[in-house]
């Protein structure tokens, strides 16, 4: 009986160790989920996000596209495909994905903000401001406050820039870009002749 118990404990220990390795890494976790349920769109979508977080955009795109192929109403996957397209400066694709996400989920604040980022990058600041404000009316997000603050800063709207950037760093102090833009806005307020 003792030998049998020891064998069971050893087997369970090995299984636990293997499971912990999978659970300890999001890419492994969701790769395992995809391997076990290849027809589940949510597993592919989450694997895509894990690949995005790992900085591997090609793998992320493939996983997210597979999620959409399996389940065309995957707004989460469309939103993240838009984010990848923005990162790769493919703004037409980004806009298409964000609009597809919004057609499925009209209250998706991140897709609205994504459209704002596209407008900002494409030189349409008034549209970008309106979209960022619309996104923030749905949900406060430090990245959206930061982007809106940057637009205001470039336009010389220093009070509005400072308010948005201060909000961004208050929500998430671990944003080096927001801190830098906040310093730029404060410097511009002290020395209006400084070029932003």
C-alpha atoms as a PDB file:
ATOM      1  CA  UNK A   1       0.000   0.000   0.000  1.00  0.00           C
ATOM      2  CA  UNK A   2       2.860   2.372   0.840  1.00  0.00           C
ATOM      3  CA  UNK A   3       4.517   1.672  -2.513  1.00  0.00           C
ATOM      4  CA  UNK A   4       1.244   2.296  -4.352  1.00  0.00           C
ATOM      5  CA  UNK A   5       0.686   5.546  -2.442  1.00  0.00           C
ATOM      6  CA  UNK A   6       4.233   6.677  -3.247  1.00  0.00           C
ATOM      7  CA  UNK A   7       3.673   5.899  -6.940  1.00  0.00           C
ATOM      8  CA  UNK A   8       0.415   7.896  -6.955  1.00  0.00           C
ATOM      9  CA  UNK A   9       2.081  10.863  -5.221  1.00  0.00           C
ATOM     10  CA  UNK A  10       4.978  10.738  -7.704  1.00  0.00           C
ATOM     11  CA  UNK A  11       2.560  10.653 -10.648  1.00  0.00           C
ATOM     12  CA  UNK A  12       0.523  13.545  -9.259  1.00  0.00           C
ATOM     13  CA  UNK A  13       3.680  15.540  -8.551  1.00  0.00           C
ATOM     14  CA  UNK A  14       4.796  15.099 -12.153  1.00  0.00           C
ATOM     15  CA  UNK A  15       1.365  16.109 -13.454  1.00  0.00           C
ATOM     16  CA  UNK A  16       1.286  19.129 -11.141  1.00  0.00           C
ATOM     17  CA  UNK A  17       4.748  20.218 -12.257  1.00  0.00           C
ATOM     18  CA  UNK A  18       3.749  19.920 -15.935  1.00  0.00           C
ATOM     19  CA  UNK A  19       0.520  21.863 -15.314  1.00  0.00           C
ATOM     20  CA  UNK A  20       2.408  24.594 -13.423  1.00  0.00           C
ATOM     21  CA  UNK A  21       4.753  25.044 -16.392  1.00  0.00           C
ATOM     22  CA  UNK A  22       1.740  25.577 -18.653  1.00  0.00           C
ATOM     23  CA  UNK A  23      -0.029  27.919 -16.227  1.00  0.00           C
ATOM     24  CA  UNK A  24       3.130  29.939 -15.587  1.00  0.00           C
ATOM     25  CA  UNK A  25       3.251  31.423 -19.094  1.00  0.00           C
ATOM     26  CA  UNK A  26       0.321  32.882 -21.034  1.00  0.00           C
ATOM     27  CA  UNK A  27       1.604  31.760 -24.427  1.00  0.00           C
ATOM     28  CA  UNK A  28       1.991  28.195 -23.157  1.00  0.00           C
ATOM     29  CA  UNK A  29      -1.352  28.330 -21.391  1.00  0.00           C
ATOM     30  CA  UNK A  30      -3.301  29.462 -24.445  1.00  0.00           C
ATOM     31  CA  UNK A  31      -1.268  27.275 -26.841  1.00  0.00           C
ATOM     32  CA  UNK A  32      -2.296  24.358 -24.661  1.00  0.00           C
ATOM     33  CA  UNK A  33      -5.930  25.527 -24.757  1.00  0.00           C
ATOM     34  CA  UNK A  34      -5.791  25.790 -28.567  1.00  0.00           C
ATOM     35  CA  UNK A  35      -4.245  22.312 -28.823  1.00  0.00           C
ATOM     36  CA  UNK A  36      -7.010  20.870 -26.652  1.00  0.00           C
ATOM     37  CA  UNK A  37      -9.864  22.821 -28.272  1.00  0.00           C
ATOM     38  CA  UNK A  38      -8.749  23.944 -31.757  1.00  0.00           C
ATOM     39  CA  UNK A  39     -12.284  24.921 -32.712  1.00  0.00           C
ATOM     40  CA  UNK A  40     -12.729  27.459 -29.875  1.00  0.00           C
ATOM     41  CA  UNK A  41     -12.348  31.020 -31.091  1.00  0.00           C
ATOM     42  CA  UNK A  42     -11.812  32.394 -27.589  1.00  0.00           C
ATOM     43  CA  UNK A  43      -8.717  30.206 -27.118  1.00  0.00           C
ATOM     44  CA  UNK A  44      -7.217  31.532 -30.371  1.00  0.00           C
ATOM     45  CA  UNK A  45      -8.114  35.124 -29.440  1.00  0.00           C
ATOM     46  CA  UNK A  46      -6.467  34.810 -26.027  1.00  0.00           C
ATOM     47  CA  UNK A  47      -3.422  33.177 -27.595  1.00  0.00           C
ATOM     48  CA  UNK A  48      -3.249  36.149 -29.949  1.00  0.00           C
ATOM     49  CA  UNK A  49      -3.224  38.555 -27.012  1.00  0.00           C
ATOM     50  CA  UNK A  50      -0.545  36.491 -25.274  1.00  0.00           C
ATOM     51  CA  UNK A  51       1.593  36.685 -28.424  1.00  0.00           C
ATOM     52  CA  UNK A  52       0.991  40.455 -28.572  1.00  0.00           C
ATOM     53  CA  UNK A  53       2.174  40.819 -24.981  1.00  0.00           C
ATOM     54  CA  UNK A  54       5.276  38.830 -25.930  1.00  0.00           C
ATOM     55  CA  UNK A  55       5.914  41.252 -28.809  1.00  0.00           C
ATOM     56  CA  UNK A  56       5.421  38.572 -31.484  1.00  0.00           C
ATOM     57  CA  UNK A  57       2.952  40.319 -33.750  1.00  0.00           C
ATOM     58  CA  UNK A  58       3.018  37.868 -36.666  1.00  0.00           C
ATOM     59  CA  UNK A  59       2.006  34.982 -34.401  1.00  0.00           C
ATOM     60  CA  UNK A  60      -0.549  37.227 -32.701  1.00  0.00           C
ATOM     61  CA  UNK A  61      -2.097  38.210 -36.026  1.00  0.00           C
ATOM     62  CA  UNK A  62      -2.385  34.578 -37.139  1.00  0.00           C
ATOM     63  CA  UNK A  63      -4.060  33.522 -33.891  1.00  0.00           C
ATOM     64  CA  UNK A  64      -6.488  36.454 -33.962  1.00  0.00           C
ATOM     65  CA  UNK A  65      -7.332  35.894 -37.628  1.00  0.00           C
ATOM     66  CA  UNK A  66      -8.045  32.248 -36.802  1.00  0.00           C
ATOM     67  CA  UNK A  67     -10.379  33.371 -34.009  1.00  0.00           C
ATOM     68  CA  UNK A  68     -12.293  35.571 -36.462  1.00  0.00           C
ATOM     69  CA  UNK A  69     -12.409  32.756 -39.027  1.00  0.00           C
ATOM     70  CA  UNK A  70     -13.889  30.423 -36.411  1.00  0.00           C
ATOM     71  CA  UNK A  71     -16.297  32.990 -34.993  1.00  0.00           C
ATOM     72  CA  UNK A  72     -16.893  36.069 -37.181  1.00  0.00           C
ATOM     73  CA  UNK A  73     -18.533  37.995 -34.331  1.00  0.00           C
ATOM     74  CA  UNK A  74     -15.305  38.075 -32.295  1.00  0.00           C
ATOM     75  CA  UNK A  75     -15.157  41.816 -31.526  1.00  0.00           C
ATOM     76  CA  UNK A  76     -12.275  41.231 -29.079  1.00  0.00           C
ATOM     77  CA  UNK A  77     -10.177  39.653 -31.846  1.00  0.00           C
ATOM     78  CA  UNK A  78     -11.066  42.438 -34.306  1.00  0.00           C
ATOM     79  CA  UNK A  79     -10.081  45.067 -31.728  1.00  0.00           C
ATOM     80  CA  UNK A  80      -6.705  43.433 -31.181  1.00  0.00           C
ATOM     81  CA  UNK A  81      -6.124  43.022 -34.931  1.00  0.00           C
ATOM     82  CA  UNK A  82      -6.688  46.782 -35.106  1.00  0.00           C
ATOM     83  CA  UNK A  83      -4.127  47.364 -32.361  1.00  0.00           C
ATOM     84  CA  UNK A  84      -1.560  45.265 -34.244  1.00  0.00           C
ATOM     85  CA  UNK A  85      -2.258  47.201 -37.450  1.00  0.00           C
ATOM     86  CA  UNK A  86      -1.718  50.519 -35.602  1.00  0.00           C
ATOM     87  CA  UNK A  87       1.583  49.224 -34.184  1.00  0.00           C
ATOM     88  CA  UNK A  88       2.634  48.285 -37.718  1.00  0.00           C
ATOM     89  CA  UNK A  89       1.408  51.643 -39.081  1.00  0.00           C
ATOM     90  CA  UNK A  90      -1.154  49.961 -41.355  1.00  0.00           C
ATOM     91  CA  UNK A  91      -3.831  52.532 -40.621  1.00  0.00           C
ATOM     92  CA  UNK A  92      -6.388  51.496 -43.265  1.00  0.00           C
ATOM     93  CA  UNK A  93      -6.353  47.943 -41.864  1.00  0.00           C
ATOM     94  CA  UNK A  94      -6.541  49.271 -38.322  1.00  0.00           C
ATOM     95  CA  UNK A  95      -9.573  51.383 -39.114  1.00  0.00           C
ATOM     96  CA  UNK A  96     -11.278  48.422 -40.817  1.00  0.00           C
ATOM     97  CA  UNK A  97     -10.719  46.177 -37.783  1.00  0.00           C
ATOM     98  CA  UNK A  98     -11.827  48.789 -35.247  1.00  0.00           C
ATOM     99  CA  UNK A  99     -14.982  49.495 -37.272  1.00  0.00           C
ATOM    100  CA  UNK A 100     -15.701  45.759 -37.490  1.00  0.00           C
ATOM    101  CA  UNK A 101     -15.304  45.491 -33.701  1.00  0.00           C
ATOM    102  CA  UNK A 102     -17.658  48.442 -33.177  1.00  0.00           C
ATOM    103  CA  UNK A 103     -20.243  46.983 -35.537  1.00  0.00           C
ATOM    104  CA  UNK A 104     -20.306  43.961 -33.230  1.00  0.00           C
ATOM    105  CA  UNK A 105     -19.935  45.828 -29.931  1.00  0.00           C
ATOM    106  CA  UNK A 106     -20.892  49.543 -30.234  1.00  0.00           C
ATOM    107  CA  UNK A 107     -19.874  50.304 -26.622  1.00  0.00           C
ATOM    108  CA  UNK A 108     -16.297  49.051 -27.113  1.00  0.00           C
ATOM    109  CA  UNK A 109     -14.337  51.974 -25.671  1.00  0.00           C
ATOM    110  CA  UNK A 110     -10.975  50.585 -26.774  1.00  0.00           C
ATOM    111  CA  UNK A 111     -12.040  50.314 -30.420  1.00  0.00           C
ATOM    112  CA  UNK A 112     -13.317  53.902 -30.302  1.00  0.00           C
ATOM    113  CA  UNK A 113      -9.953  54.937 -28.849  1.00  0.00           C
ATOM    114  CA  UNK A 114      -8.251  52.877 -31.561  1.00  0.00           C
ATOM    115  CA  UNK A 115     -10.095  54.881 -34.214  1.00  0.00           C
ATOM    116  CA  UNK A 116      -8.916  57.982 -32.356  1.00  0.00           C
ATOM    117  CA  UNK A 117      -5.329  56.781 -32.560  1.00  0.00           C
ATOM    118  CA  UNK A 118      -5.740  56.194 -36.302  1.00  0.00           C
ATOM    119  CA  UNK A 119      -7.188  59.685 -36.749  1.00  0.00           C
ATOM    120  CA  UNK A 120      -4.312  61.149 -34.708  1.00  0.00           C
ATOM    121  CA  UNK A 121      -1.666  59.321 -36.774  1.00  0.00           C
ATOM    122  CA  UNK A 122      -3.382  60.321 -40.033  1.00  0.00           C
ATOM    123  CA  UNK A 123      -3.376  64.040 -39.167  1.00  0.00           C
ATOM    124  CA  UNK A 124      -7.031  64.456 -38.222  1.00  0.00           C
ATOM    125  CA  UNK A 125      -6.693  65.950 -34.714  1.00  0.00           C
ATOM    126  CA  UNK A 126     -10.278  67.195 -34.325  1.00  0.00           C
ATOM    127  CA  UNK A 127     -11.641  63.748 -35.162  1.00  0.00           C
ATOM    128  CA  UNK A 128      -9.056  62.171 -32.837  1.00  0.00           C
ATOM    129  CA  UNK A 129     -10.131  64.433 -29.960  1.00  0.00           C
ATOM    130  CA  UNK A 130     -13.820  63.651 -30.496  1.00  0.00           C
ATOM    131  CA  UNK A 131     -13.133  59.899 -30.592  1.00  0.00           C
ATOM    132  CA  UNK A 132     -10.911  59.981 -27.499  1.00  0.00           C
ATOM    133  CA  UNK A 133     -13.547  61.955 -25.587  1.00  0.00           C
ATOM    134  CA  UNK A 134     -16.209  59.469 -26.710  1.00  0.00           C
ATOM    135  CA  UNK A 135     -14.028  56.587 -25.519  1.00  0.00           C
ATOM    136  CA  UNK A 136     -13.407  58.243 -22.144  1.00  0.00           C
ATOM    137  CA  UNK A 137     -17.143  58.830 -21.712  1.00  0.00           C
ATOM    138  CA  UNK A 138     -17.538  55.041 -21.913  1.00  0.00           C
ATOM    139  CA  UNK A 139     -14.546  54.079 -19.792  1.00  0.00           C
ATOM    140  CA  UNK A 140     -11.571  55.858 -18.245  1.00  0.00           C
ATOM    141  CA  UNK A 141      -8.263  54.515 -19.528  1.00  0.00           C
ATOM    142  CA  UNK A 142      -4.844  56.036 -18.776  1.00  0.00           C
ATOM    143  CA  UNK A 143      -3.604  55.396 -22.333  1.00  0.00           C
ATOM    144  CA  UNK A 144      -6.543  57.309 -23.796  1.00  0.00           C
ATOM    145  CA  UNK A 145      -5.998  60.201 -21.359  1.00  0.00           C
ATOM    146  CA  UNK A 146      -2.319  60.203 -22.385  1.00  0.00           C
ATOM    147  CA  UNK A 147      -3.109  60.245 -26.114  1.00  0.00           C
ATOM    148  CA  UNK A 148      -5.670  62.999 -25.675  1.00  0.00           C
ATOM    149  CA  UNK A 149      -3.158  64.979 -23.605  1.00  0.00           C
ATOM    150  CA  UNK A 150      -0.576  64.602 -26.380  1.00  0.00           C
ATOM    151  CA  UNK A 151      -3.008  65.939 -28.977  1.00  0.00           C
ATOM    152  CA  UNK A 152      -3.876  68.913 -26.787  1.00  0.00           C
ATOM    153  CA  UNK A 153      -0.179  69.538 -26.169  1.00  0.00           C
ATOM    154  CA  UNK A 154       0.609  69.631 -29.889  1.00  0.00           C
ATOM    155  CA  UNK A 155      -2.297  72.027 -30.405  1.00  0.00           C
ATOM    156  CA  UNK A 156      -0.999  74.296 -27.636  1.00  0.00           C
ATOM    157  CA  UNK A 157      -4.049  73.685 -25.445  1.00  0.00           C
ATOM    158  CA  UNK A 158      -1.886  73.449 -22.343  1.00  0.00           C
ATOM    159  CA  UNK A 159      -4.524  73.442 -19.604  1.00  0.00           C
ATOM    160  CA  UNK A 160      -6.405  70.606 -21.286  1.00  0.00           C
ATOM    161  CA  UNK A 161      -3.140  68.764 -21.975  1.00  0.00           C
ATOM    162  CA  UNK A 162      -2.047  69.063 -18.356  1.00  0.00           C
ATOM    163  CA  UNK A 163      -5.425  67.858 -17.061  1.00  0.00           C
ATOM    164  CA  UNK A 164      -5.397  64.764 -19.285  1.00  0.00           C
ATOM    165  CA  UNK A 165      -1.745  63.916 -18.649  1.00  0.00           C
ATOM    166  CA  UNK A 166      -2.109  64.354 -14.885  1.00  0.00           C
ATOM    167  CA  UNK A 167      -5.107  62.044 -14.969  1.00  0.00           C
ATOM    168  CA  UNK A 168      -3.131  59.485 -16.988  1.00  0.00           C
ATOM    169  CA  UNK A 169      -0.247  59.344 -14.503  1.00  0.00           C
ATOM    170  CA  UNK A 170      -2.604  59.398 -11.506  1.00  0.00           C
ATOM    171  CA  UNK A 171      -4.364  56.291 -12.834  1.00  0.00           C
ATOM    172  CA  UNK A 172      -1.158  54.550 -13.926  1.00  0.00           C
ATOM    173  CA  UNK A 173       2.128  56.061 -12.716  1.00  0.00           C
ATOM    174  CA  UNK A 174       4.111  53.507 -14.742  1.00  0.00           C
ATOM    175  CA  UNK A 175       3.739  55.379 -18.050  1.00  0.00           C
ATOM    176  CA  UNK A 176       7.056  56.939 -19.041  1.00  0.00           C
ATOM    177  CA  UNK A 177       5.575  58.570 -22.150  1.00  0.00           C
ATOM    178  CA  UNK A 178       2.821  60.225 -20.110  1.00  0.00           C
ATOM    179  CA  UNK A 179       5.371  61.536 -17.614  1.00  0.00           C
ATOM    180  CA  UNK A 180       7.523  62.912 -20.451  1.00  0.00           C
ATOM    181  CA  UNK A 181       4.549  64.631 -22.103  1.00  0.00           C
ATOM    182  CA  UNK A 182       3.482  66.008 -18.717  1.00  0.00           C
ATOM    183  CA  UNK A 183       6.965  67.489 -18.273  1.00  0.00           C
ATOM    184  CA  UNK A 184       6.750  68.904 -21.832  1.00  0.00           C
ATOM    185  CA  UNK A 185       3.369  70.502 -21.056  1.00  0.00           C
ATOM    186  CA  UNK A 186       4.630  72.003 -17.782  1.00  0.00           C
ATOM    187  CA  UNK A 187       7.726  73.348 -19.533  1.00  0.00           C
ATOM    188  CA  UNK A 188       5.563  74.838 -22.303  1.00  0.00           C
ATOM    189  CA  UNK A 189       3.382  76.537 -19.698  1.00  0.00           C
ATOM    190  CA  UNK A 190       6.452  78.036 -17.971  1.00  0.00           C
ATOM    191  CA  UNK A 191       8.188  78.983 -21.217  1.00  0.00           C
ATOM    192  CA  UNK A 192       5.507  79.523 -23.890  1.00  0.00           C
ATOM    193  CA  UNK A 193       8.166  80.155 -26.521  1.00  0.00           C
ATOM    194  CA  UNK A 194       9.470  76.578 -26.068  1.00  0.00           C
ATOM    195  CA  UNK A 195       8.670  74.396 -29.036  1.00  0.00           C
ATOM    196  CA  UNK A 196       6.621  71.343 -28.119  1.00  0.00           C
END
